[in-house]
Amino acid sequence: MAVTFEQVRAIALGFPGVEERASFEGRPAFRTKKRGIVYSRPEPDVIVLWMPIEARDVLCAEQPKVFFFTDHYRDWPSVLVRLKAVKRAVLEELIEDAWRAAATKKQIAEWEASR
């Protein structure tokens, strides 16, 4: 079953310190005060997810129908994700990884204590 953008929103906002703000293009984006985690795209079923380039390259090679990038994102630590193709559990893990990279140690400790 396809993941919806509303589900992406709920997952992202479930982490401490994540706020929804408009991107510079006016579309929904989720970020901590430190940096962005997930951004929406003009295509309704694609999101941009923060991720180290090395990890992105592995995912794109292993699952090109789910993960990809365009020339615009080639040098940016992010991956494009097709919501119709990604498994929700995988997306939840990837959003958590992006959040952990952007969150403060205090936010991570509080979140782990509440689980």
PDB file of N, CA and C in Angstrom:
ATOM      1  N   MET A   1       0.845  -1.191   0.000  1.00  0.00           N
ATOM      2  CA  MET A   1       0.000   0.000   0.000  1.00  0.00           C
ATOM      3  C   MET A   1       0.884   1.246   0.000  1.00  0.00           C
ATOM      4  N   ALA A   2       0.545   2.205  -0.820  1.00  0.00           N
ATOM      5  CA  ALA A   2       1.336   3.422  -0.975  1.00  0.00           C
ATOM      6  C   ALA A   2       1.299   4.267   0.301  1.00  0.00           C
ATOM      7  N   VAL A   3       2.418   4.898   0.568  1.00  0.00           N
ATOM      8  CA  VAL A   3       2.502   5.843   1.676  1.00  0.00           C
ATOM      9  C   VAL A   3       1.977   7.184   1.163  1.00  0.00           C
ATOM     10  N   THR A   4       1.217   7.884   1.978  1.00  0.00           N
ATOM     11  CA  THR A   4       0.691   9.196   1.595  1.00  0.00           C
ATOM     12  C   THR A   4       1.545  10.294   2.205  1.00  0.00           C
ATOM     13  N   PHE A   5       1.406  11.486   1.655  1.00  0.00           N
ATOM     14  CA  PHE A   5       2.146  12.605   2.241  1.00  0.00           C
ATOM     15  C   PHE A   5       1.658  12.900   3.658  1.00  0.00           C
ATOM     16  N   GLU A   6       0.387  12.674   3.917  1.00  0.00           N
ATOM     17  CA  GLU A   6      -0.129  12.873   5.280  1.00  0.00           C
ATOM     18  C   GLU A   6       0.553  11.925   6.258  1.00  0.00           C
ATOM     19  N   GLN A   7       0.855  10.714   5.820  1.00  0.00           N
ATOM     20  CA  GLN A   7       1.587   9.781   6.681  1.00  0.00           C
ATOM     21  C   GLN A   7       3.019  10.265   6.895  1.00  0.00           C
ATOM     22  N   VAL A   8       3.637  10.790   5.852  1.00  0.00           N
ATOM     23  CA  VAL A   8       4.986  11.367   5.994  1.00  0.00           C
ATOM     24  C   VAL A   8       4.952  12.479   7.032  1.00  0.00           C
ATOM     25  N   ARG A   9       3.958  13.339   6.924  1.00  0.00           N
ATOM     26  CA  ARG A   9       3.804  14.454   7.878  1.00  0.00           C
ATOM     27  C   ARG A   9       3.693  13.923   9.308  1.00  0.00           C
ATOM     28  N   ALA A  10       2.850  12.925   9.522  1.00  0.00           N
ATOM     29  CA  ALA A  10       2.651  12.373  10.867  1.00  0.00           C
ATOM     30  C   ALA A  10       3.937  11.740  11.406  1.00  0.00           C
ATOM     31  N   ILE A  11       4.654  11.024  10.560  1.00  0.00           N
ATOM     32  CA  ILE A  11       5.910  10.403  10.994  1.00  0.00           C
ATOM     33  C   ILE A  11       6.902  11.489  11.393  1.00  0.00           C
ATOM     34  N   ALA A  12       7.109  12.458  10.527  1.00  0.00           N
ATOM     35  CA  ALA A  12       8.102  13.509  10.782  1.00  0.00           C
ATOM     36  C   ALA A  12       7.762  14.310  12.034  1.00  0.00           C
ATOM     37  N   LEU A  13       6.489  14.691  12.172  1.00  0.00           N
ATOM     38  CA  LEU A  13       6.097  15.515  13.321  1.00  0.00           C
ATOM     39  C   LEU A  13       6.066  14.722  14.627  1.00  0.00           C
ATOM     40  N   GLY A  14       6.212  13.408  14.540  1.00  0.00           N
ATOM     41  CA  GLY A  14       6.259  12.575  15.735  1.00  0.00           C
ATOM     42  C   GLY A  14       7.583  12.640  16.477  1.00  0.00           C
ATOM     43  N   PHE A  15       8.574  13.285  15.894  1.00  0.00           N
ATOM     44  CA  PHE A  15       9.874  13.402  16.539  1.00  0.00           C
ATOM     45  C   PHE A  15      10.006  14.760  17.220  1.00  0.00           C
ATOM     46  N   PRO A  16      10.624  14.781  18.409  1.00  0.00           N
ATOM     47  CA  PRO A  16      10.775  16.037  19.140  1.00  0.00           C
ATOM     48  C   PRO A  16      11.537  17.089  18.331  1.00  0.00           C
ATOM     49  N   GLY A  17      11.045  18.308  18.400  1.00  0.00           N
ATOM     50  CA  GLY A  17      11.731  19.429  17.769  1.00  0.00           C
ATOM     51  C   GLY A  17      11.481  19.594  16.292  1.00  0.00           C
ATOM     52  N   VAL A  18      10.678  18.711  15.694  1.00  0.00           N
ATOM     53  CA  VAL A  18      10.397  18.839  14.264  1.00  0.00           C
ATOM     54  C   VAL A  18       9.221  19.783  14.074  1.00  0.00           C
ATOM     55  N   GLU A  19       9.405  20.699  13.157  1.00  0.00           N
ATOM     56  CA  GLU A  19       8.371  21.677  12.836  1.00  0.00           C
ATOM     57  C   GLU A  19       8.074  21.614  11.342  1.00  0.00           C
ATOM     58  N   GLU A  20       6.838  21.915  11.000  1.00  0.00           N
ATOM     59  CA  GLU A  20       6.489  22.033   9.586  1.00  0.00           C
ATOM     60  C   GLU A  20       6.579  23.499   9.212  1.00  0.00           C
ATOM     61  N   ARG A  21       7.333  23.758   8.177  1.00  0.00           N
ATOM     62  CA  ARG A  21       7.470  25.119   7.654  1.00  0.00           C
ATOM     63  C   ARG A  21       7.401  25.040   6.137  1.00  0.00           C
ATOM     64  N   ALA A  22       7.150  26.151   5.525  1.00  0.00           N
ATOM     65  CA  ALA A  22       7.164  26.180   4.066  1.00  0.00           C
ATOM     66  C   ALA A  22       8.610  26.214   3.590  1.00  0.00           C
ATOM     67  N   SER A  23       8.881  25.459   2.528  1.00  0.00           N
ATOM     68  CA  SER A  23      10.205  25.512   1.917  1.00  0.00           C
ATOM     69  C   SER A  23      10.333  26.845   1.187  1.00  0.00           C
ATOM     70  N   PHE A  24      11.520  27.105   0.647  1.00  0.00           N
ATOM     71  CA  PHE A  24      11.700  28.363  -0.074  1.00  0.00           C
ATOM     72  C   PHE A  24      10.805  28.423  -1.306  1.00  0.00           C
ATOM     73  N   GLU A  25      10.302  27.276  -1.733  1.00  0.00           N
ATOM     74  CA  GLU A  25       9.376  27.230  -2.868  1.00  0.00           C
ATOM     75  C   GLU A  25       7.922  27.251  -2.411  1.00  0.00           C
ATOM     76  N   GLY A  26       7.696  27.308  -1.100  1.00  0.00           N
ATOM     77  CA  GLY A  26       6.349  27.393  -0.571  1.00  0.00           C
ATOM     78  C   GLY A  26       5.666  26.067  -0.297  1.00  0.00           C
ATOM     79  N   ARG A  27       6.373  24.965  -0.503  1.00  0.00           N
ATOM     80  CA  ARG A  27       5.795  23.635  -0.241  1.00  0.00           C
ATOM     81  C   ARG A  27       6.135  23.196   1.176  1.00  0.00           C
ATOM     82  N   PRO A  28       5.376  22.238   1.728  1.00  0.00           N
ATOM     83  CA  PRO A  28       5.641  21.766   3.087  1.00  0.00           C
ATOM     84  C   PRO A  28       7.044  21.169   3.228  1.00  0.00           C
ATOM     85  N   ALA A  29       7.665  21.503   4.350  1.00  0.00           N
ATOM     86  CA  ALA A  29       8.984  20.963   4.681  1.00  0.00           C
ATOM     87  C   ALA A  29       9.012  20.717   6.186  1.00  0.00           C
ATOM     88  N   PHE A  30       9.784  19.741   6.599  1.00  0.00           N
ATOM     89  CA  PHE A  30       9.874  19.384   8.008  1.00  0.00           C
ATOM     90  C   PHE A  30      11.327  19.508   8.416  1.00  0.00           C
ATOM     91  N   ARG A  31      11.545  20.218   9.519  1.00  0.00           N
ATOM     92  CA  ARG A  31      12.910  20.498   9.934  1.00  0.00           C
ATOM     93  C   ARG A  31      13.005  20.685  11.432  1.00  0.00           C
ATOM     94  N   THR A  32      14.197  20.537  11.923  1.00  0.00           N
ATOM     95  CA  THR A  32      14.481  20.975  13.280  1.00  0.00           C
ATOM     96  C   THR A  32      15.023  22.387  13.127  1.00  0.00           C
ATOM     97  N   LYS A  33      15.317  23.047  14.217  1.00  0.00           N
ATOM     98  CA  LYS A  33      15.899  24.384  14.108  1.00  0.00           C
ATOM     99  C   LYS A  33      17.254  24.322  13.418  1.00  0.00           C
ATOM    100  N   LYS A  34      17.868  23.161  13.504  1.00  0.00           N
ATOM    101  CA  LYS A  34      19.204  22.982  12.954  1.00  0.00           C
ATOM    102  C   LYS A  34      19.196  22.793  11.428  1.00  0.00           C
ATOM    103  N   ARG A  35      18.339  21.894  10.928  1.00  0.00           N
ATOM    104  CA  ARG A  35      18.315  21.671   9.485  1.00  0.00           C
ATOM    105  C   ARG A  35      17.104  20.861   9.048  1.00  0.00           C
ATOM    106  N   GLY A  36      16.956  20.785   7.725  1.00  0.00           N
ATOM    107  CA  GLY A  36      15.829  20.084   7.130  1.00  0.00           C
ATOM    108  C   GLY A  36      15.961  18.583   7.200  1.00  0.00           C
ATOM    109  N   ILE A  37      14.807  17.935   7.192  1.00  0.00           N
ATOM    110  CA  ILE A  37      14.736  16.475   7.257  1.00  0.00           C
ATOM    111  C   ILE A  37      14.007  15.935   6.026  1.00  0.00           C
ATOM    112  N   VAL A  38      12.803  16.446   5.778  1.00  0.00           N
ATOM    113  CA  VAL A  38      11.963  15.983   4.668  1.00  0.00           C
ATOM    114  C   VAL A  38      11.334  17.199   3.991  1.00  0.00           C
ATOM    115  N   TYR A  39      11.321  17.160   2.671  1.00  0.00           N
ATOM    116  CA  TYR A  39      10.706  18.233   1.888  1.00  0.00           C
ATOM    117  C   TYR A  39       9.731  17.621   0.895  1.00  0.00           C
ATOM    118  N   SER A  40       8.648  18.332   0.628  1.00  0.00           N
ATOM    119  CA  SER A  40       7.731  17.860  -0.409  1.00  0.00           C
ATOM    120  C   SER A  40       8.250  18.339  -1.764  1.00  0.00           C
ATOM    121  N   ARG A  41       7.777  17.710  -2.808  1.00  0.00           N
ATOM    122  CA  ARG A  41       8.161  18.032  -4.178  1.00  0.00           C
ATOM    123  C   ARG A  41       6.909  18.421  -4.956  1.00  0.00           C
ATOM    124  N   PRO A  42       7.071  19.025  -6.121  1.00  0.00           N
ATOM    125  CA  PRO A  42       5.885  19.340  -6.923  1.00  0.00           C
ATOM    126  C   PRO A  42       5.106  18.087  -7.312  1.00  0.00           C
ATOM    127  N   GLU A  43       5.843  16.972  -7.530  1.00  0.00           N
ATOM    128  CA  GLU A  43       5.169  15.717  -7.837  1.00  0.00           C
ATOM    129  C   GLU A  43       4.493  15.231  -6.557  1.00  0.00           C
ATOM    130  N   PRO A  44       3.225  14.873  -6.601  1.00  0.00           N
ATOM    131  CA  PRO A  44       2.501  14.534  -5.367  1.00  0.00           C
ATOM    132  C   PRO A  44       2.980  13.258  -4.673  1.00  0.00           C
ATOM    133  N   ASP A  45       3.685  12.387  -5.383  1.00  0.00           N
ATOM    134  CA  ASP A  45       4.071  11.125  -4.771  1.00  0.00           C
ATOM    135  C   ASP A  45       5.589  10.991  -4.591  1.00  0.00           C
ATOM    136  N   VAL A  46       6.291  12.137  -4.534  1.00  0.00           N
ATOM    137  CA  VAL A  46       7.746  12.136  -4.352  1.00  0.00           C
ATOM    138  C   VAL A  46       8.114  13.104  -3.241  1.00  0.00           C
ATOM    139  N   ILE A  47       9.029  12.672  -2.375  1.00  0.00           N
ATOM    140  CA  ILE A  47       9.569  13.546  -1.339  1.00  0.00           C
ATOM    141  C   ILE A  47      11.092  13.563  -1.445  1.00  0.00           C
ATOM    142  N   VAL A  48      11.683  14.584  -0.836  1.00  0.00           N
ATOM    143  CA  VAL A  48      13.133  14.680  -0.704  1.00  0.00           C
ATOM    144  C   VAL A  48      13.444  14.391   0.751  1.00  0.00           C
ATOM    145  N   LEU A  49      14.363  13.483   0.986  1.00  0.00           N
ATOM    146  CA  LEU A  49      14.721  13.073   2.337  1.00  0.00           C
ATOM    147  C   LEU A  49      16.215  13.283   2.544  1.00  0.00           C
ATOM    148  N   TRP A  50      16.582  13.946   3.633  1.00  0.00           N
ATOM    149  CA  TRP A  50      17.994  14.153   3.932  1.00  0.00           C
ATOM    150  C   TRP A  50      18.657  12.809   4.179  1.00  0.00           C
ATOM    151  N   MET A  51      19.862  12.652   3.625  1.00  0.00           N
ATOM    152  CA  MET A  51      20.587  11.403   3.773  1.00  0.00           C
ATOM    153  C   MET A  51      22.017  11.620   3.280  1.00  0.00           C
ATOM    154  N   PRO A  52      22.993  11.022   3.936  1.00  0.00           N
ATOM    155  CA  PRO A  52      24.361  11.127   3.413  1.00  0.00           C
ATOM    156  C   PRO A  52      24.443  10.580   1.987  1.00  0.00           C
ATOM    157  N   ILE A  53      25.256  11.208   1.174  1.00  0.00           N
ATOM    158  CA  ILE A  53      25.374  10.833  -0.232  1.00  0.00           C
ATOM    159  C   ILE A  53      25.748   9.357  -0.393  1.00  0.00           C
ATOM    160  N   GLU A  54      26.653   8.864   0.452  1.00  0.00           N
ATOM    161  CA  GLU A  54      27.085   7.468   0.330  1.00  0.00           C
ATOM    162  C   GLU A  54      25.912   6.510   0.544  1.00  0.00           C
ATOM    163  N   ALA A  55      25.078   6.789   1.532  1.00  0.00           N
ATOM    164  CA  ALA A  55      23.910   5.944   1.804  1.00  0.00           C
ATOM    165  C   ALA A  55      22.905   6.055   0.663  1.00  0.00           C
ATOM    166  N   ARG A  56      22.724   7.256   0.156  1.00  0.00           N
ATOM    167  CA  ARG A  56      21.811   7.465  -0.967  1.00  0.00           C
ATOM    168  C   ARG A  56      22.229   6.625  -2.168  1.00  0.00           C
ATOM    169  N   ASP A  57      23.524   6.658  -2.471  1.00  0.00           N
ATOM    170  CA  ASP A  57      24.005   5.927  -3.639  1.00  0.00           C
ATOM    171  C   ASP A  57      23.740   4.428  -3.511  1.00  0.00           C
ATOM    172  N   VAL A  58      23.877   3.901  -2.313  1.00  0.00           N
ATOM    173  CA  VAL A  58      23.605   2.477  -2.087  1.00  0.00           C
ATOM    174  C   VAL A  58      22.118   2.187  -2.306  1.00  0.00           C
ATOM    175  N   LEU A  59      21.249   2.997  -1.697  1.00  0.00           N
ATOM    176  CA  LEU A  59      19.807   2.775  -1.853  1.00  0.00           C
ATOM    177  C   LEU A  59      19.378   2.875  -3.318  1.00  0.00           C
ATOM    178  N   CYS A  60      19.895   3.867  -4.014  1.00  0.00           N
ATOM    179  CA  CYS A  60      19.517   4.054  -5.419  1.00  0.00           C
ATOM    180  C   CYS A  60      19.974   2.881  -6.280  1.00  0.00           C
ATOM    181  N   ALA A  61      21.141   2.327  -5.965  1.00  0.00           N
ATOM    182  CA  ALA A  61      21.633   1.173  -6.721  1.00  0.00           C
ATOM    183  C   ALA A  61      20.821  -0.080  -6.412  1.00  0.00           C
ATOM    184  N   GLU A  62      20.437  -0.234  -5.145  1.00  0.00           N
ATOM    185  CA  GLU A  62      19.714  -1.437  -4.732  1.00  0.00           C
ATOM    186  C   GLU A  62      18.227  -1.399  -5.070  1.00  0.00           C
ATOM    187  N   GLN A  63      17.616  -0.201  -4.990  1.00  0.00           N
ATOM    188  CA  GLN A  63      16.166  -0.080  -5.190  1.00  0.00           C
ATOM    189  C   GLN A  63      15.833   1.137  -6.061  1.00  0.00           C
ATOM    190  N   PRO A  64      16.234   1.117  -7.330  1.00  0.00           N
ATOM    191  CA  PRO A  64      16.033   2.291  -8.186  1.00  0.00           C
ATOM    192  C   PRO A  64      14.571   2.637  -8.470  1.00  0.00           C
ATOM    193  N   LYS A  65      13.662   1.702  -8.251  1.00  0.00           N
ATOM    194  CA  LYS A  65      12.244   2.014  -8.447  1.00  0.00           C
ATOM    195  C   LYS A  65      11.667   2.786  -7.264  1.00  0.00           C
ATOM    196  N   VAL A  66      12.395   2.790  -6.149  1.00  0.00           N
ATOM    197  CA  VAL A  66      11.943   3.481  -4.940  1.00  0.00           C
ATOM    198  C   VAL A  66      12.738   4.760  -4.714  1.00  0.00           C
ATOM    199  N   PHE A  67      14.052   4.663  -4.829  1.00  0.00           N
ATOM    200  CA  PHE A  67      14.952   5.769  -4.505  1.00  0.00           C
ATOM    201  C   PHE A  67      15.697   6.226  -5.751  1.00  0.00           C
ATOM    202  N   PHE A  68      15.816   7.543  -5.908  1.00  0.00           N
ATOM    203  CA  PHE A  68      16.523   8.091  -7.059  1.00  0.00           C
ATOM    204  C   PHE A  68      16.965   9.518  -6.743  1.00  0.00           C
ATOM    205  N   PHE A  69      17.716  10.104  -7.646  1.00  0.00           N
ATOM    206  CA  PHE A  69      18.057  11.517  -7.533  1.00  0.00           C
ATOM    207  C   PHE A  69      18.211  12.079  -8.937  1.00  0.00           C
ATOM    208  N   THR A  70      18.073  13.371  -9.044  1.00  0.00           N
ATOM    209  CA  THR A  70      18.238  14.065 -10.318  1.00  0.00           C
ATOM    210  C   THR A  70      19.567  14.807 -10.281  1.00  0.00           C
ATOM    211  N   ASP A  71      19.947  15.372 -11.405  1.00  0.00           N
ATOM    212  CA  ASP A  71      21.192  16.138 -11.439  1.00  0.00           C
ATOM    213  C   ASP A  71      21.196  17.256 -10.401  1.00  0.00           C
ATOM    214  N   HIS A  72      20.031  17.848 -10.164  1.00  0.00           N
ATOM    215  CA  HIS A  72      19.936  18.923  -9.174  1.00  0.00           C
ATOM    216  C   HIS A  72      20.401  18.455  -7.794  1.00  0.00           C
ATOM    217  N   TYR A  73      20.126  17.221  -7.436  1.00  0.00           N
ATOM    218  CA  TYR A  73      20.451  16.692  -6.105  1.00  0.00           C
ATOM    219  C   TYR A  73      21.759  15.887  -6.074  1.00  0.00           C
ATOM    220  N   ARG A  74      22.440  15.789  -7.188  1.00  0.00           N
ATOM    221  CA  ARG A  74      23.644  14.955  -7.277  1.00  0.00           C
ATOM    222  C   ARG A  74      24.661  15.253  -6.169  1.00  0.00           C
ATOM    223  N   ASP A  75      24.895  16.504  -5.869  1.00  0.00           N
ATOM    224  CA  ASP A  75      25.900  16.886  -4.876  1.00  0.00           C
ATOM    225  C   ASP A  75      25.303  17.251  -3.519  1.00  0.00           C
ATOM    226  N   TRP A  76      24.030  16.965  -3.327  1.00  0.00           N
ATOM    227  CA  TRP A  76      23.363  17.272  -2.063  1.00  0.00           C
ATOM    228  C   TRP A  76      23.116  15.994  -1.277  1.00  0.00           C
ATOM    229  N   PRO A  77      23.246  16.054   0.034  1.00  0.00           N
ATOM    230  CA  PRO A  77      23.011  14.856   0.862  1.00  0.00           C
ATOM    231  C   PRO A  77      21.514  14.589   1.016  1.00  0.00           C
ATOM    232  N   SER A  78      20.934  14.064  -0.041  1.00  0.00           N
ATOM    233  CA  SER A  78      19.498  13.794  -0.021  1.00  0.00           C
ATOM    234  C   SER A  78      19.166  12.762  -1.090  1.00  0.00           C
ATOM    235  N   VAL A  79      17.966  12.202  -0.937  1.00  0.00           N
ATOM    236  CA  VAL A  79      17.470  11.220  -1.897  1.00  0.00           C
ATOM    237  C   VAL A  79      16.006  11.537  -2.179  1.00  0.00           C
ATOM    238  N   LEU A  80      15.576  11.245  -3.399  1.00  0.00           N
ATOM    239  CA  LEU A  80      14.168  11.362  -3.753  1.00  0.00           C
ATOM    240  C   LEU A  80      13.533  10.000  -3.522  1.00  0.00           C
ATOM    241  N   VAL A  81      12.332  10.023  -2.951  1.00  0.00           N
ATOM    242  CA  VAL A  81      11.641   8.783  -2.583  1.00  0.00           C
ATOM    243  C   VAL A  81      10.272   8.761  -3.244  1.00  0.00           C
ATOM    244  N   ARG A  82       9.981   7.684  -3.940  1.00  0.00           N
ATOM    245  CA  ARG A  82       8.654   7.498  -4.536  1.00  0.00           C
ATOM    246  C   ARG A  82       7.733   6.901  -3.472  1.00  0.00           C
ATOM    247  N   LEU A  83       6.755   7.682  -3.049  1.00  0.00           N
ATOM    248  CA  LEU A  83       5.863   7.234  -1.972  1.00  0.00           C
ATOM    249  C   LEU A  83       5.018   6.043  -2.381  1.00  0.00           C
ATOM    250  N   LYS A  84       4.724   5.909  -3.658  1.00  0.00           N
ATOM    251  CA  LYS A  84       3.916   4.770  -4.111  1.00  0.00           C
ATOM    252  C   LYS A  84       4.690   3.457  -4.043  1.00  0.00           C
ATOM    253  N   ALA A  85       6.020   3.551  -3.965  1.00  0.00           N
ATOM    254  CA  ALA A  85       6.840   2.340  -4.015  1.00  0.00           C
ATOM    255  C   ALA A  85       7.522   1.993  -2.692  1.00  0.00           C
ATOM    256  N   VAL A  86       7.674   2.960  -1.797  1.00  0.00           N
ATOM    257  CA  VAL A  86       8.415   2.712  -0.560  1.00  0.00           C
ATOM    258  C   VAL A  86       7.526   2.019   0.471  1.00  0.00           C
ATOM    259  N   LYS A  87       8.122   1.160   1.248  1.00  0.00           N
ATOM    260  CA  LYS A  87       7.411   0.531   2.358  1.00  0.00           C
ATOM    261  C   LYS A  87       7.422   1.488   3.540  1.00  0.00           C
ATOM    262  N   ARG A  88       6.279   1.568   4.217  1.00  0.00           N
ATOM    263  CA  ARG A  88       6.167   2.510   5.328  1.00  0.00           C
ATOM    264  C   ARG A  88       7.232   2.270   6.391  1.00  0.00           C
ATOM    265  N   ALA A  89       7.502   1.043   6.754  1.00  0.00           N
ATOM    266  CA  ALA A  89       8.497   0.752   7.789  1.00  0.00           C
ATOM    267  C   ALA A  89       9.880   1.250   7.387  1.00  0.00           C
ATOM    268  N   VAL A  90      10.210   1.102   6.121  1.00  0.00           N
ATOM    269  CA  VAL A  90      11.503   1.586   5.623  1.00  0.00           C
ATOM    270  C   VAL A  90      11.546   3.102   5.705  1.00  0.00           C
ATOM    271  N   LEU A  91      10.476   3.754   5.272  1.00  0.00           N
ATOM    272  CA  LEU A  91      10.423   5.208   5.320  1.00  0.00           C
ATOM    273  C   LEU A  91      10.513   5.722   6.750  1.00  0.00           C
ATOM    274  N   GLU A  92       9.834   5.069   7.679  1.00  0.00           N
ATOM    275  CA  GLU A  92       9.913   5.476   9.085  1.00  0.00           C
ATOM    276  C   GLU A  92      11.361   5.437   9.585  1.00  0.00           C
ATOM    277  N   GLU A  93      12.085   4.378   9.233  1.00  0.00           N
ATOM    278  CA  GLU A  93      13.488   4.269   9.649  1.00  0.00           C
ATOM    279  C   GLU A  93      14.334   5.372   9.033  1.00  0.00           C
ATOM    280  N   LEU A  94      14.104   5.668   7.773  1.00  0.00           N
ATOM    281  CA  LEU A  94      14.897   6.686   7.100  1.00  0.00           C
ATOM    282  C   LEU A  94      14.605   8.081   7.640  1.00  0.00           C
ATOM    283  N   ILE A  95      13.341   8.355   7.951  1.00  0.00           N
ATOM    284  CA  ILE A  95      13.007   9.644   8.551  1.00  0.00           C
ATOM    285  C   ILE A  95      13.619   9.738   9.940  1.00  0.00           C
ATOM    286  N   GLU A  96      13.596   8.652  10.692  1.00  0.00           N
ATOM    287  CA  GLU A  96      14.242   8.662  12.010  1.00  0.00           C
ATOM    288  C   GLU A  96      15.738   8.927  11.870  1.00  0.00           C
ATOM    289  N   ASP A  97      16.381   8.293  10.913  1.00  0.00           N
ATOM    290  CA  ASP A  97      17.814   8.533  10.701  1.00  0.00           C
ATOM    291  C   ASP A  97      18.085  10.002  10.377  1.00  0.00           C
ATOM    292  N   ALA A  98      17.250  10.577   9.521  1.00  0.00           N
ATOM    293  CA  ALA A  98      17.412  11.993   9.166  1.00  0.00           C
ATOM    294  C   ALA A  98      17.200  12.878  10.386  1.00  0.00           C
ATOM    295  N   TRP A  99      16.190  12.552  11.185  1.00  0.00           N
ATOM    296  CA  TRP A  99      15.937  13.319  12.403  1.00  0.00           C
ATOM    297  C   TRP A  99      17.108  13.210  13.371  1.00  0.00           C
ATOM    298  N   ARG A 100      17.617  12.008  13.588  1.00  0.00           N
ATOM    299  CA  ARG A 100      18.743  11.819  14.510  1.00  0.00           C
ATOM    300  C   ARG A 100      19.962  12.642  14.083  1.00  0.00           C
ATOM    301  N   ALA A 101      20.168  12.747  12.778  1.00  0.00           N
ATOM    302  CA  ALA A 101      21.305  13.526  12.278  1.00  0.00           C
ATOM    303  C   ALA A 101      21.122  15.024  12.535  1.00  0.00           C
ATOM    304  N   ALA A 102      19.875  15.461  12.649  1.00  0.00           N
ATOM    305  CA  ALA A 102      19.594  16.889  12.831  1.00  0.00           C
ATOM    306  C   ALA A 102      19.257  17.263  14.269  1.00  0.00           C
ATOM    307  N   ALA A 103      18.848  16.312  15.072  1.00  0.00           N
ATOM    308  CA  ALA A 103      18.382  16.595  16.441  1.00  0.00           C
ATOM    309  C   ALA A 103      19.544  16.848  17.394  1.00  0.00           C
ATOM    310  N   THR A 104      19.204  17.484  18.498  1.00  0.00           N
ATOM    311  CA  THR A 104      20.195  17.676  19.550  1.00  0.00           C
ATOM    312  C   THR A 104      20.302  16.390  20.368  1.00  0.00           C
ATOM    313  N   LYS A 105      21.377  16.260  21.102  1.00  0.00           N
ATOM    314  CA  LYS A 105      21.543  15.085  21.958  1.00  0.00           C
ATOM    315  C   LYS A 105      20.427  15.021  22.999  1.00  0.00           C
ATOM    316  N   LYS A 106      20.009  16.168  23.484  1.00  0.00           N
ATOM    317  CA  LYS A 106      18.934  16.228  24.473  1.00  0.00           C
ATOM    318  C   LYS A 106      17.615  15.719  23.871  1.00  0.00           C
ATOM    319  N   GLN A 107      17.295  16.132  22.654  1.00  0.00           N
ATOM    320  CA  GLN A 107      16.066  15.670  21.997  1.00  0.00           C
ATOM    321  C   GLN A 107      16.094  14.158  21.797  1.00  0.00           C
ATOM    322  N   ILE A 108      17.238  13.645  21.375  1.00  0.00           N
ATOM    323  CA  ILE A 108      17.362  12.203  21.156  1.00  0.00           C
ATOM    324  C   ILE A 108      17.193  11.454  22.469  1.00  0.00           C
ATOM    325  N   ALA A 109      17.819  11.931  23.532  1.00  0.00           N
ATOM    326  CA  ALA A 109      17.711  11.278  24.845  1.00  0.00           C
ATOM    327  C   ALA A 109      16.271  11.312  25.343  1.00  0.00           C
ATOM    328  N   GLU A 110      15.586  12.434  25.201  1.00  0.00           N
ATOM    329  CA  GLU A 110      14.190  12.548  25.637  1.00  0.00           C
ATOM    330  C   GLU A 110      13.300  11.592  24.846  1.00  0.00           C
ATOM    331  N   TRP A 111      13.517  11.517  23.533  1.00  0.00           N
ATOM    332  CA  TRP A 111      12.702  10.652  22.693  1.00  0.00           C
ATOM    333  C   TRP A 111      12.936   9.186  23.054  1.00  0.00           C
ATOM    334  N   GLU A 112      14.189   8.815  23.232  1.00  0.00           N
ATOM    335  CA  GLU A 112      14.490   7.426  23.577  1.00  0.00           C
ATOM    336  C   GLU A 112      13.921   7.056  24.943  1.00  0.00           C
ATOM    337  N   ALA A 113      13.920   7.993  25.882  1.00  0.00           N
ATOM    338  CA  ALA A 113      13.370   7.740  27.209  1.00  0.00           C
ATOM    339  C   ALA A 113      11.850   7.572  27.159  1.00  0.00           C
ATOM    340  N   SER A 114      11.203   8.191  26.196  1.00  0.00           N
ATOM    341  CA  SER A 114       9.744   8.128  26.122  1.00  0.00           C
ATOM    342  C   SER A 114       9.246   6.893  25.381  1.00  0.00           C
ATOM    343  N   ARG A 115      10.112   6.142  24.779  1.00  0.00           N
ATOM    344  CA  ARG A 115       9.704   4.960  23.990  1.00  0.00           C
ATOM    345  C   ARG A 115       9.450   3.765  24.843  1.00  0.00           C
TER     346      ARG A 115
END
